[in-house]
C-alpha atoms as a PDB file:
ATOM      1  CA  MET A   1      67.359 -25.669  20.341  1.00  0.00           C
ATOM      2  CA  THR A   2      64.892 -25.869  23.566  1.00  0.00           C
ATOM      3  CA  ARG A   3      66.008 -23.813  26.487  1.00  0.00           C
ATOM      4  CA  VAL A   4      64.219 -23.595  29.942  1.00  0.00           C
ATOM      5  CA  PHE A   5      64.839 -21.003  32.232  1.00  0.00           C
ATOM      6  CA  PHE A   6      64.923 -21.773  36.043  1.00  0.00           C
ATOM      7  CA  LEU A   7      63.618 -19.010  38.219  1.00  0.00           C
ATOM      8  CA  GLY A   8      63.250 -18.841  41.940  1.00  0.00           C
ATOM      9  CA  ARG A   9      61.411 -16.412  44.156  1.00  0.00           C
ATOM     10  CA  SER A  10      60.305 -16.307  47.832  1.00  0.00           C
ATOM     11  CA  PHE A  11      56.847 -15.506  49.005  1.00  0.00           C
ATOM     12  CA  LEU A  12      54.323 -15.633  51.667  1.00  0.00           C
ATOM     13  CA  ALA A  13      51.863 -18.218  51.735  1.00  0.00           C
ATOM     14  CA  LEU A  14      48.597 -16.887  50.037  1.00  0.00           C
ATOM     15  CA  PHE A  15      45.182 -18.910  49.696  1.00  0.00           C
ATOM     16  CA  ILE A  16      42.723 -17.713  47.310  1.00  0.00           C
ATOM     17  CA  SER A  17      39.215 -19.124  46.703  1.00  0.00           C
ATOM     18  CA  LEU A  18      39.075 -19.408  42.891  1.00  0.00           C
ATOM     19  CA  GLY A  19      39.037 -23.046  42.874  1.00  0.00           C
ATOM     20  CA  LEU A  20      41.890 -25.721  43.841  1.00  0.00           C
ATOM     21  CA  ILE A  21      45.164 -23.755  42.947  1.00  0.00           C
ATOM     22  CA  SER A  22      46.952 -23.357  46.384  1.00  0.00           C
ATOM     23  CA  PHE A  23      49.683 -20.808  45.992  1.00  0.00           C
ATOM     24  CA  SER A  24      52.677 -21.868  47.896  1.00  0.00           C
ATOM     25  CA  PHE A  25      55.464 -19.175  47.875  1.00  0.00           C
ATOM     26  CA  GLY A  26      58.429 -21.328  48.145  1.00  0.00           C
ATOM     27  CA  SER A  27      60.945 -21.729  45.548  1.00  0.00           C
ATOM     28  CA  PRO A  28      60.514 -25.055  43.342  1.00  0.00           C
ATOM     29  CA  SER A  29      62.385 -25.730  40.335  1.00  0.00           C
ATOM     30  CA  LEU A  30      60.471 -24.670  37.446  1.00  0.00           C
ATOM     31  CA  GLY A  31      60.965 -25.972  34.098  1.00  0.00           C
ATOM     32  CA  MET A  32      59.798 -23.892  31.032  1.00  0.00           C
ATOM     33  CA  ALA A  33      59.030 -26.215  28.267  1.00  0.00           C
ATOM     34  CA  ALA A  34      59.636 -25.154  24.733  1.00  0.00           C
ATOM     35  CA  GLU A  35      59.431 -27.346  21.389  1.00  0.00           C
ATOM     36  CA  LYS A  36      62.765 -29.000  20.137  1.00  0.00           C
ATOM     37  CA  LYS A  37      63.536 -27.712  16.881  1.00  0.00           C
ATOM     38  CA  THR A  38      65.681 -30.737  16.113  1.00  0.00           C
ATOM     39  CA  LYS A  39      64.850 -34.115  14.327  1.00  0.00           C
ATOM     40  CA  ALA A  40      64.616 -35.919  17.467  1.00  0.00           C
ATOM     41  CA  SER A  41      61.223 -33.920  18.840  1.00  0.00           C
ATOM     42  CA  ALA A  42      61.116 -33.748  22.585  1.00  0.00           C
ATOM     43  CA  LYS A  43      58.315 -35.382  24.561  1.00  0.00           C
ATOM     44  CA  PRO A  44      55.633 -33.119  26.251  1.00  0.00           C
ATOM     45  CA  GLY A  45      57.369 -30.993  29.003  1.00  0.00           C
ATOM     46  CA  GLN A  46      60.863 -32.246  28.188  1.00  0.00           C
ATOM     47  CA  ALA A  47      63.479 -29.258  27.936  1.00  0.00           C
ATOM     48  CA  LYS A  48      66.956 -28.209  28.816  1.00  0.00           C
ATOM     49  CA  SER A  49      68.069 -25.341  31.187  1.00  0.00           C
ATOM     50  CA  ALA A  50      69.548 -21.975  30.554  1.00  0.00           C
ATOM     51  CA  LYS A  51      70.242 -19.215  32.811  1.00  0.00           C
ATOM     52  CA  PRO A  52      67.972 -16.144  33.507  1.00  0.00           C
ATOM     53  CA  GLY A  53      69.007 -13.739  30.733  1.00  0.00           C
ATOM     54  CA  ALA A  54      69.606 -15.960  27.756  1.00  0.00           C
ATOM     55  CA  ALA A  55      68.052 -14.465  24.920  1.00  0.00           C
ATOM     56  CA  GLU A  56      66.608 -15.829  21.592  1.00  0.00           C
ATOM     57  CA  SER A  57      68.883 -15.329  18.464  1.00  0.00           C
ATOM     58  CA  GLY A  58      67.791 -15.126  14.580  1.00  0.00           C
ATOM     59  CA  ALA A  59      64.696 -13.478  15.746  1.00  0.00           C
ATOM     60  CA  GLY A  60      64.516 -11.691  12.231  1.00  0.00           C
ATOM     61  CA  ALA A  61      60.735 -10.573  11.513  1.00  0.00           C
ATOM     62  CA  ALA A  62      59.630 -12.051  14.666  1.00  0.00           C
ATOM     63  CA  GLY A  63      60.901  -9.265  16.728  1.00  0.00           C
ATOM     64  CA  SER A  64      64.143  -8.546  18.461  1.00  0.00           C
ATOM     65  CA  ALA A  65      65.606 -10.933  21.226  1.00  0.00           C
ATOM     66  CA  GLY A  66      63.934 -11.033  24.513  1.00  0.00           C
ATOM     67  CA  VAL A  67      65.874 -10.045  27.610  1.00  0.00           C
ATOM     68  CA  PHE A  68      65.305 -10.562  31.425  1.00  0.00           C
ATOM     69  CA  ILE A  69      65.352  -7.146  33.109  1.00  0.00           C
ATOM     70  CA  SER A  70      64.619  -8.737  36.515  1.00  0.00           C
ATOM     71  CA  ALA A  71      63.998 -12.216  37.598  1.00  0.00           C
ATOM     72  CA  GLY A  72      60.331 -11.109  37.366  1.00  0.00           C
ATOM     73  CA  VAL A  73      60.186  -8.942  34.338  1.00  0.00           C
ATOM     74  CA  TYR A  74      60.827  -9.892  30.843  1.00  0.00           C
ATOM     75  CA  LYS A  75      60.967  -7.573  27.767  1.00  0.00           C
ATOM     76  CA  LYS A  76      60.444  -8.418  24.110  1.00  0.00           C
ATOM     77  CA  THR A  77      59.925  -6.079  21.155  1.00  0.00           C
ATOM     78  CA  ILE A  78      57.786  -6.956  18.126  1.00  0.00           C
ATOM     79  CA  GLY A  79      57.613  -4.508  15.547  1.00  0.00           C
ATOM     80  CA  ASP A  80      56.510  -1.113  17.260  1.00  0.00           C
ATOM     81  CA  LEU A  81      55.340  -2.953  20.508  1.00  0.00           C
ATOM     82  CA  GLU A  82      57.311  -3.269  23.379  1.00  0.00           C
ATOM     83  CA  ILE A  83      56.118  -6.207  25.770  1.00  0.00           C
ATOM     84  CA  TYR A  84      56.981  -6.725  29.268  1.00  0.00           C
ATOM     85  CA  ALA A  85      55.847 -10.016  31.048  1.00  0.00           C
ATOM     86  CA  LEU A  86      55.227  -9.624  34.773  1.00  0.00           C
ATOM     87  CA  SER A  87      55.664 -12.488  36.889  1.00  0.00           C
ATOM     88  CA  ASP A  88      53.078 -12.048  39.674  1.00  0.00           C
ATOM     89  CA  ASN A  89      52.851 -15.388  41.452  1.00  0.00           C
ATOM     90  CA  ARG A  90      53.268 -19.230  40.804  1.00  0.00           C
ATOM     91  CA  GLY A  91      51.964 -22.176  43.065  1.00  0.00           C
ATOM     92  CA  ARG A  92      50.373 -25.444  42.445  1.00  0.00           C
ATOM     93  CA  LEU A  93      47.301 -26.660  40.335  1.00  0.00           C
ATOM     94  CA  GLU A  94      45.935 -29.897  41.558  1.00  0.00           C
ATOM     95  CA  PHE A  95      45.086 -32.737  39.217  1.00  0.00           C
ATOM     96  CA  SER A  96      41.555 -32.945  40.365  1.00  0.00           C
ATOM     97  CA  VAL A  97      41.198 -29.656  38.675  1.00  0.00           C
ATOM     98  CA  LEU A  98      41.295 -31.191  35.277  1.00  0.00           C
ATOM     99  CA  LEU A  99      38.230 -32.709  34.397  1.00  0.00           C
ATOM    100  CA  GLY A 100      38.073 -36.145  32.935  1.00  0.00           C
ATOM    101  CA  LEU A 101      41.463 -37.240  33.578  1.00  0.00           C
ATOM    102  CA  THR A 102      42.830 -39.718  36.043  1.00  0.00           C
ATOM    103  CA  ARG A 103      46.158 -39.503  37.911  1.00  0.00           C
ATOM    104  CA  ASP A 104      47.599 -42.040  35.965  1.00  0.00           C
ATOM    105  CA  GLN A 105      46.534 -40.202  32.592  1.00  0.00           C
ATOM    106  CA  ILE A 106      48.004 -37.118  33.748  1.00  0.00           C
ATOM    107  CA  ARG A 107      51.000 -38.694  34.486  1.00  0.00           C
ATOM    108  CA  ALA A 108      51.424 -40.419  31.227  1.00  0.00           C
ATOM    109  CA  MET A 109      50.571 -37.093  29.147  1.00  0.00           C
ATOM    110  CA  VAL A 110      53.348 -35.485  31.280  1.00  0.00           C
ATOM    111  CA  GLY A 111      56.004 -37.914  31.394  1.00  0.00           C
ATOM    112  CA  GLN A 112      59.208 -37.014  33.493  1.00  0.00           C
ATOM    113  CA  ASN A 113      58.989 -33.264  34.185  1.00  0.00           C
ATOM    114  CA  SER A 114      60.213 -31.438  37.314  1.00  0.00           C
ATOM    115  CA  GLU A 115      56.703 -29.276  37.274  1.00  0.00           C
ATOM    116  CA  MET A 116      54.788 -32.396  38.335  1.00  0.00           C
ATOM    117  CA  ASP A 117      54.869 -33.735  41.690  1.00  0.00           C
ATOM    118  CA  ASN A 118      52.475 -36.536  43.027  1.00  0.00           C
ATOM    119  CA  SER A 119      49.043 -34.640  42.998  1.00  0.00           C
ATOM    120  CA  SER A 120      49.911 -31.401  41.006  1.00  0.00           C
ATOM    121  CA  LEU A 121      51.332 -29.304  38.229  1.00  0.00           C
ATOM    122  CA  THR A 122      53.172 -26.123  38.673  1.00  0.00           C
ATOM    123  CA  SER A 123      51.008 -22.977  37.917  1.00  0.00           C
ATOM    124  CA  TYR A 124      51.524 -19.382  37.049  1.00  0.00           C
ATOM    125  CA  ILE A 125      50.036 -16.060  37.165  1.00  0.00           C
ATOM    126  CA  ASN A 126      51.572 -13.333  34.698  1.00  0.00           C
ATOM    127  CA  ALA A 127      50.373 -10.109  33.863  1.00  0.00           C
ATOM    128  CA  PHE A 128      51.664  -7.927  30.830  1.00  0.00           C
ATOM    129  CA  LEU A 129      52.555  -4.292  29.871  1.00  0.00           C
ATOM    130  CA  VAL A 130      52.487  -3.265  26.421  1.00  0.00           C
ATOM    131  CA  LYS A 131      53.980  -0.102  25.406  1.00  0.00           C
ATOM    132  CA  SER A 132      52.443   1.015  21.756  1.00  0.00           C
ATOM    133  CA  PRO A 133      52.507   4.088  19.874  1.00  0.00           C
ATOM    134  CA  VAL A 134      48.993   5.101  21.428  1.00  0.00           C
ATOM    135  CA  GLY A 135      49.565   4.397  25.060  1.00  0.00           C
ATOM    136  CA  LEU A 136      50.874   1.967  27.667  1.00  0.00           C
ATOM    137  CA  PHE A 137      48.361  -0.994  28.284  1.00  0.00           C
ATOM    138  CA  LEU A 138      48.254  -3.338  31.286  1.00  0.00           C
ATOM    139  CA  VAL A 139      46.731  -6.854  30.143  1.00  0.00           C
ATOM    140  CA  ASP A 140      45.317  -8.069  33.474  1.00  0.00           C
ATOM    141  CA  THR A 141      46.543  -7.267  37.008  1.00  0.00           C
ATOM    142  CA  GLY A 142      47.333 -10.566  38.931  1.00  0.00           C
ATOM    143  CA  LEU A 143      46.452 -10.992  42.630  1.00  0.00           C
ATOM    144  CA  GLY A 144      47.529  -7.589  43.814  1.00  0.00           C
ATOM    145  CA  ASN A 145      50.035  -9.606  46.231  1.00  0.00           C
ATOM    146  CA  GLY A 146      51.703  -6.868  48.087  1.00  0.00           C
ATOM    147  CA  ASP A 147      53.783  -4.711  46.036  1.00  0.00           C
ATOM    148  CA  THR A 148      54.431  -7.410  43.314  1.00  0.00           C
ATOM    149  CA  LEU A 149      52.939  -5.770  40.572  1.00  0.00           C
ATOM    150  CA  VAL A 150      54.104  -2.415  41.306  1.00  0.00           C
ATOM    151  CA  LYS A 151      57.650  -3.602  41.876  1.00  0.00           C
ATOM    152  CA  GLY A 152      57.548  -5.209  38.264  1.00  0.00           C
ATOM    153  CA  ILE A 153      55.944  -2.022  36.480  1.00  0.00           C
ATOM    154  CA  LYS A 154      58.946   0.038  38.335  1.00  0.00           C
ATOM    155  CA  GLU A 155      61.664  -2.363  37.064  1.00  0.00           C
ATOM    156  CA  ALA A 156      60.305  -2.295  33.453  1.00  0.00           C
ATOM    157  CA  GLY A 157      60.708   1.491  33.777  1.00  0.00           C
ATOM    158  CA  PHE A 158      57.329   2.817  34.346  1.00  0.00           C
ATOM    159  CA  SER A 159      54.970   3.855  37.247  1.00  0.00           C
ATOM    160  CA  PRO A 160      51.305   3.023  37.712  1.00  0.00           C
ATOM    161  CA  GLU A 161      50.472   6.778  37.071  1.00  0.00           C
ATOM    162  CA  ASP A 162      51.996   6.043  33.358  1.00  0.00           C
ATOM    163  CA  VAL A 163      49.406   3.178  32.571  1.00  0.00           C
ATOM    164  CA  THR A 164      46.901   4.776  30.164  1.00  0.00           C
ATOM    165  CA  ASP A 165      44.537   1.361  29.916  1.00  0.00           C
ATOM    166  CA  VAL A 166      44.033  -1.582  32.088  1.00  0.00           C
ATOM    167  CA  LEU A 167      42.579  -4.453  29.790  1.00  0.00           C
ATOM    168  CA  LEU A 168      40.586  -7.257  31.653  1.00  0.00           C
ATOM    169  CA  THR A 169      40.421 -10.354  30.132  1.00  0.00           C
ATOM    170  CA  HIS A 170      37.628 -11.667  32.936  1.00  0.00           C
ATOM    171  CA  PHE A 171      36.913 -10.972  36.424  1.00  0.00           C
ATOM    172  CA  HIS A 172      38.353 -13.834  38.540  1.00  0.00           C
ATOM    173  CA  ARG A 173      40.478 -12.627  41.403  1.00  0.00           C
ATOM    174  CA  ASP A 174      43.969 -13.708  39.850  1.00  0.00           C
ATOM    175  CA  HIS A 175      43.090 -10.861  37.005  1.00  0.00           C
ATOM    176  CA  ILE A 176      41.579  -8.134  38.702  1.00  0.00           C
ATOM    177  CA  ASP A 177      42.626  -7.588  42.435  1.00  0.00           C
ATOM    178  CA  GLY A 178      45.789  -5.729  41.500  1.00  0.00           C
ATOM    179  CA  LEU A 179      43.281  -2.778  40.473  1.00  0.00           C
ATOM    180  CA  LEU A 180      43.353  -1.444  43.886  1.00  0.00           C
ATOM    181  CA  SER A 181      46.051  -0.551  46.524  1.00  0.00           C
ATOM    182  CA  GLY A 182      44.727   0.475  49.861  1.00  0.00           C
ATOM    183  CA  GLY A 183      41.275   0.372  48.664  1.00  0.00           C
ATOM    184  CA  LYS A 184      41.907   3.195  46.131  1.00  0.00           C
ATOM    185  CA  SER A 185      42.500   2.919  42.220  1.00  0.00           C
ATOM    186  CA  LEU A 186      46.385   1.823  41.720  1.00  0.00           C
ATOM    187  CA  PHE A 187      46.331   3.409  38.227  1.00  0.00           C
ATOM    188  CA  PRO A 188      44.986   6.837  38.585  1.00  0.00           C
ATOM    189  CA  LYS A 189      44.930   7.868  35.100  1.00  0.00           C
ATOM    190  CA  ALA A 190      44.231   4.587  33.344  1.00  0.00           C
ATOM    191  CA  THR A 191      40.649   3.274  31.785  1.00  0.00           C
ATOM    192  CA  VAL A 192      39.792   0.100  32.769  1.00  0.00           C
ATOM    193  CA  TRP A 193      38.080  -1.973  29.933  1.00  0.00           C
ATOM    194  CA  ALA A 194      35.968  -5.105  30.215  1.00  0.00           C
ATOM    195  CA  SER A 195      33.260  -6.818  28.151  1.00  0.00           C
ATOM    196  CA  LYS A 196      29.852  -6.099  28.536  1.00  0.00           C
ATOM    197  CA  ASN A 197      28.932  -9.959  29.200  1.00  0.00           C
ATOM    198  CA  GLU A 198      31.408 -10.366  31.913  1.00  0.00           C
ATOM    199  CA  ASP A 199      30.311  -7.289  33.745  1.00  0.00           C
ATOM    200  CA  ARG A 200      26.716  -8.337  33.179  1.00  0.00           C
ATOM    201  CA  TYR A 201      27.239 -11.862  34.617  1.00  0.00           C
ATOM    202  CA  TRP A 202      29.562 -10.709  37.627  1.00  0.00           C
ATOM    203  CA  ILE A 203      27.830  -7.502  38.462  1.00  0.00           C
ATOM    204  CA  LYS A 204      24.563  -6.418  37.013  1.00  0.00           C
ATOM    205  CA  ASP A 205      23.023  -9.800  37.239  1.00  0.00           C
ATOM    206  CA  ASN A 206      25.277 -10.846  40.364  1.00  0.00           C
ATOM    207  CA  GLN A 207      23.504 -13.783  42.582  1.00  0.00           C
ATOM    208  CA  ASN A 208      24.799 -14.929  45.791  1.00  0.00           C
ATOM    209  CA  ASN A 209      27.233 -11.991  45.581  1.00  0.00           C
ATOM    210  CA  ARG A 210      29.614 -13.968  43.152  1.00  0.00           C
ATOM    211  CA  GLY A 211      30.639 -10.636  41.951  1.00  0.00           C
ATOM    212  CA  GLN A 212      31.153  -9.032  45.123  1.00  0.00           C
ATOM    213  CA  SER A 213      35.010  -8.951  44.869  1.00  0.00           C
ATOM    214  CA  ALA A 214      34.531  -7.673  40.967  1.00  0.00           C
ATOM    215  CA  GLU A 215      32.276  -4.882  42.185  1.00  0.00           C
ATOM    216  CA  THR A 216      34.618  -3.659  44.922  1.00  0.00           C
ATOM    217  CA  LYS A 217      37.863  -3.759  42.542  1.00  0.00           C
ATOM    218  CA  ILE A 218      35.985  -1.751  39.720  1.00  0.00           C
ATOM    219  CA  PHE A 219      33.866   0.568  41.860  1.00  0.00           C
ATOM    220  CA  PRO A 220      36.594   3.483  41.935  1.00  0.00           C
ATOM    221  CA  TYR A 221      36.959   3.449  38.429  1.00  0.00           C
ATOM    222  CA  ARG A 222      33.351   3.372  37.567  1.00  0.00           C
ATOM    223  CA  ARG A 223      32.948   6.096  39.882  1.00  0.00           C
ATOM    224  CA  ASP A 224      35.488   8.317  38.348  1.00  0.00           C
ATOM    225  CA  GLY A 225      33.976   7.634  34.595  1.00  0.00           C
ATOM    226  CA  ARG A 226      37.087   5.480  33.848  1.00  0.00           C
ATOM    227  CA  TYR A 227      35.487   2.097  33.472  1.00  0.00           C
ATOM    228  CA  LYS A 228      34.094   1.138  29.733  1.00  0.00           C
ATOM    229  CA  LEU A 229      32.472  -1.979  28.332  1.00  0.00           C
ATOM    230  CA  PHE A 230      32.605  -3.326  24.908  1.00  0.00           C
ATOM    231  CA  GLU A 231      31.135  -5.965  22.701  1.00  0.00           C
ATOM    232  CA  PRO A 232      33.966  -8.275  21.287  1.00  0.00           C
ATOM    233  CA  GLY A 233      34.828  -7.378  17.879  1.00  0.00           C
ATOM    234  CA  GLN A 234      35.344  -3.866  18.681  1.00  0.00           C
ATOM    235  CA  ALA A 235      38.681  -2.016  18.445  1.00  0.00           C
ATOM    236  CA  ILE A 236      39.206  -0.179  21.628  1.00  0.00           C
ATOM    237  CA  ARG A 237      42.125   1.884  20.510  1.00  0.00           C
ATOM    238  CA  PRO A 238      43.964   1.927  17.337  1.00  0.00           C
ATOM    239  CA  GLY A 239      45.555  -1.162  16.787  1.00  0.00           C
ATOM    240  CA  VAL A 240      43.767  -2.877  19.749  1.00  0.00           C
ATOM    241  CA  GLU A 241      40.977  -5.559  18.944  1.00  0.00           C
ATOM    242  CA  THR A 242      38.815  -7.358  21.356  1.00  0.00           C
ATOM    243  CA  ILE A 243      38.366 -11.080  20.796  1.00  0.00           C
ATOM    244  CA  GLU A 244      35.577 -13.201  22.061  1.00  0.00           C
ATOM    245  CA  LEU A 245      36.882 -16.086  24.002  1.00  0.00           C
ATOM    246  CA  TYR A 246      33.841 -17.140  25.911  1.00  0.00           C
ATOM    247  CA  GLY A 247      33.434 -20.324  28.097  1.00  0.00           C
ATOM    248  CA  HIS A 248      35.897 -19.761  31.070  1.00  0.00           C
ATOM    249  CA  THR A 249      33.671 -17.048  32.077  1.00  0.00           C
ATOM    250  CA  PRO A 250      30.694 -15.802  30.182  1.00  0.00           C
ATOM    251  CA  GLY A 251      32.466 -12.679  28.973  1.00  0.00           C
ATOM    252  CA  HIS A 252      36.258 -13.861  28.862  1.00  0.00           C
ATOM    253  CA  VAL A 253      38.019 -12.059  26.043  1.00  0.00           C
ATOM    254  CA  GLY A 254      41.419 -11.760  24.420  1.00  0.00           C
ATOM    255  CA  TYR A 255      42.954  -8.642  23.050  1.00  0.00           C
ATOM    256  CA  LEU A 256      45.033  -8.871  19.827  1.00  0.00           C
ATOM    257  CA  PHE A 257      47.663  -6.056  19.324  1.00  0.00           C
ATOM    258  CA  THR A 258      48.860  -5.301  15.728  1.00  0.00           C
ATOM    259  CA  SER A 259      52.539  -4.773  15.760  1.00  0.00           C
ATOM    260  CA  GLY A 260      52.893  -2.712  12.795  1.00  0.00           C
ATOM    261  CA  ARG A 261      55.130  -5.033  10.856  1.00  0.00           C
ATOM    262  CA  GLY A 262      52.580  -7.497   9.870  1.00  0.00           C
ATOM    263  CA  ARG A 263      52.984  -9.784  13.117  1.00  0.00           C
ATOM    264  CA  ASP A 264      50.355  -9.739  15.776  1.00  0.00           C
ATOM    265  CA  ILE A 265      50.305 -10.659  19.437  1.00  0.00           C
ATOM    266  CA  LEU A 266      47.021 -12.107  20.902  1.00  0.00           C
ATOM    267  CA  PHE A 267      46.839 -11.933  24.922  1.00  0.00           C
ATOM    268  CA  TRP A 268      44.494 -14.705  25.525  1.00  0.00           C
ATOM    269  CA  GLY A 269      43.783 -14.633  29.213  1.00  0.00           C
ATOM    270  CA  ASP A 270      42.757 -18.003  30.626  1.00  0.00           C
ATOM    271  CA  ILE A 271      42.740 -20.021  27.229  1.00  0.00           C
ATOM    272  CA  VAL A 272      45.274 -22.464  28.952  1.00  0.00           C
ATOM    273  CA  HIS A 273      45.822 -23.231  32.548  1.00  0.00           C
ATOM    274  CA  ALA A 274      48.011 -26.566  32.411  1.00  0.00           C
ATOM    275  CA  TYR A 275      50.010 -25.999  29.302  1.00  0.00           C
ATOM    276  CA  LEU A 276      51.620 -29.721  29.730  1.00  0.00           C
ATOM    277  CA  ILE A 277      48.067 -30.912  29.376  1.00  0.00           C
ATOM    278  CA  GLN A 278      45.928 -28.584  27.369  1.00  0.00           C
ATOM    279  CA  PHE A 279      48.038 -27.998  24.326  1.00  0.00           C
ATOM    280  CA  GLN A 280      48.101 -31.757  23.398  1.00  0.00           C
ATOM    281  CA  SER A 281      44.594 -32.030  24.585  1.00  0.00           C
ATOM    282  CA  PRO A 282      42.449 -29.042  24.130  1.00  0.00           C
ATOM    283  CA  GLN A 283      39.186 -30.502  25.184  1.00  0.00           C
ATOM    284  CA  THR A 284      40.353 -30.853  28.802  1.00  0.00           C
ATOM    285  CA  ALA A 285      38.564 -28.385  30.815  1.00  0.00           C
ATOM    286  CA  VAL A 286      39.076 -27.213  34.414  1.00  0.00           C
ATOM    287  CA  THR A 287      36.790 -27.231  37.253  1.00  0.00           C
ATOM    288  CA  TYR A 288      36.626 -23.624  37.575  1.00  0.00           C
ATOM    289  CA  ASP A 289      35.355 -22.969  33.815  1.00  0.00           C
ATOM    290  CA  VAL A 290      31.836 -21.474  34.333  1.00  0.00           C
ATOM    291  CA  ASP A 291      30.968 -23.564  31.000  1.00  0.00           C
ATOM    292  CA  SER A 292      33.340 -26.244  30.475  1.00  0.00           C
ATOM    293  CA  THR A 293      32.127 -27.252  27.209  1.00  0.00           C
ATOM    294  CA  VAL A 294      32.219 -24.002  25.612  1.00  0.00           C
ATOM    295  CA  ALA A 295      35.661 -23.342  27.164  1.00  0.00           C
ATOM    296  CA  ALA A 296      36.943 -26.255  25.425  1.00  0.00           C
ATOM    297  CA  GLU A 297      35.569 -25.467  22.158  1.00  0.00           C
ATOM    298  CA  THR A 298      37.023 -22.112  22.475  1.00  0.00           C
ATOM    299  CA  ARG A 299      40.366 -23.374  23.314  1.00  0.00           C
ATOM    300  CA  SER A 300      40.389 -25.580  20.354  1.00  0.00           C
ATOM    301  CA  LYS A 301      39.374 -22.988  17.879  1.00  0.00           C
ATOM    302  CA  ILE A 302      41.773 -20.246  19.283  1.00  0.00           C
ATOM    303  CA  LEU A 303      44.665 -22.822  19.423  1.00  0.00           C
ATOM    304  CA  LYS A 304      44.123 -23.620  15.618  1.00  0.00           C
ATOM    305  CA  THR A 305      43.738 -19.857  14.646  1.00  0.00           C
ATOM    306  CA  SER A 306      47.075 -19.021  16.684  1.00  0.00           C
ATOM    307  CA  ALA A 307      48.991 -21.645  14.836  1.00  0.00           C
ATOM    308  CA  GLU A 308      47.479 -20.766  11.251  1.00  0.00           C
ATOM    309  CA  ARG A 309      47.949 -17.186  11.638  1.00  0.00           C
ATOM    310  CA  ASP A 310      51.536 -17.603  13.419  1.00  0.00           C
ATOM    311  CA  TYR A 311      50.397 -15.031  16.208  1.00  0.00           C
ATOM    312  CA  TRP A 312      52.637 -14.214  19.013  1.00  0.00           C
ATOM    313  CA  VAL A 313      50.646 -15.267  22.195  1.00  0.00           C
ATOM    314  CA  ALA A 314      50.670 -14.278  25.720  1.00  0.00           C
ATOM    315  CA  GLY A 315      49.110 -16.103  28.367  1.00  0.00           C
ATOM    316  CA  ALA A 316      48.467 -15.710  32.266  1.00  0.00           C
ATOM    317  CA  HIS A 317      48.925 -18.970  32.993  1.00  0.00           C
ATOM    318  CA  LEU A 318      51.934 -20.027  30.911  1.00  0.00           C
ATOM    319  CA  PRO A 319      55.305 -20.663  32.207  1.00  0.00           C
ATOM    320  CA  PHE A 320      56.860 -17.293  32.791  1.00  0.00           C
ATOM    321  CA  PRO A 321      57.589 -15.193  30.543  1.00  0.00           C
ATOM    322  CA  GLY A 322      54.257 -16.416  29.168  1.00  0.00           C
ATOM    323  CA  LEU A 323      55.236 -15.548  25.742  1.00  0.00           C
ATOM    324  CA  GLY A 324      55.649 -17.908  22.601  1.00  0.00           C
ATOM    325  CA  ARG A 325      53.755 -19.307  19.600  1.00  0.00           C
ATOM    326  CA  VAL A 326      51.669 -22.455  18.860  1.00  0.00           C
ATOM    327  CA  LYS A 327      52.344 -25.134  16.511  1.00  0.00           C
ATOM    328  CA  ALA A 328      49.956 -27.839  15.214  1.00  0.00           C
ATOM    329  CA  ARG A 329      51.336 -31.243  15.601  1.00  0.00           C
ATOM    330  CA  SER A 330      52.286 -33.233  12.256  1.00  0.00           C
ATOM    331  CA  SER A 331      49.969 -35.992  13.625  1.00  0.00           C
ATOM    332  CA  GLY A 332      46.880 -33.370  13.346  1.00  0.00           C
ATOM    333  CA  GLN A 333      46.167 -34.412  17.037  1.00  0.00           C
ATOM    334  CA  GLY A 334      46.996 -31.445  19.550  1.00  0.00           C
ATOM    335  CA  TYR A 335      49.450 -28.748  19.725  1.00  0.00           C
ATOM    336  CA  ASP A 336      53.099 -27.842  21.007  1.00  0.00           C
ATOM    337  CA  TRP A 337      53.847 -24.711  22.838  1.00  0.00           C
ATOM    338  CA  ILE A 338      56.779 -22.863  21.408  1.00  0.00           C
ATOM    339  CA  GLN A 339      58.095 -21.026  24.509  1.00  0.00           C
ATOM    340  CA  GLU A 340      60.143 -17.593  24.141  1.00  0.00           C
ATOM    341  CA  ARG A 341      63.511 -18.476  24.984  1.00  0.00           C
END
């Protein structure tokens, strides 16, 4: 059965300079789409509604049923991993961000959906905590909007001091700005990880101060010897492998966690920004991809791999809680997002 959670929260207005996303902290009606497991397949984006707190049934080998701890924190257990999705924000993704598509084409692809208005789609920002046998990992840190991240971590039952490792998929502000609080390290015991290519592009080879924000956020960790770089393919901790996902940025990466029961979960960062479009049209890129051609190629490859290997997936810009799986369409054209429900 397809289920949708409608969540509403109140936020102050916030503007960031990452492209054409404008974050408006009202309380729009947000539909979280899942594939319909019936003979009559749902059109992209169509879904039924369910109240927050509804959990999946028959989880079996896929993991235990997920549960909302609060409106902005969702917990799911997969093998020996505890996954906590943290909602950092949501706003609007303008149609003009989607390259090569007209307004009419976007409307035709999306159909009737509460996440679309006359000129934009709902956009999300998620971060993720992972409690594993070897540590407590935070994958990306969101925008650092007030105490939203800290509030979510505490509602999950932890504190920033408990975090052992912060895994950065890339250096855009909606992934790194939560590293600091009041100019100081928010995670005083954590090691921050990033790819060498990402560090090189934004910091070492910095041109026109494009990496000024990244350098500011990372400096306290670097100064304290708690900033480490890797080449994709390395295992940075037992059960945590790094995956090359270049394109959106030159050093964009994912993190593949082994659950201990033959099921893996991939944290893929910004592989998908507009889920109602890019699953069915992986070749559609966005204006703030550094290399849109490579980004589209990477998306096509990782969607195929995720579907074939039946990974659990966690995405920074997928509808909260941002957890689910990818399924190839029987037509051979595009994919469906099976939302955790």
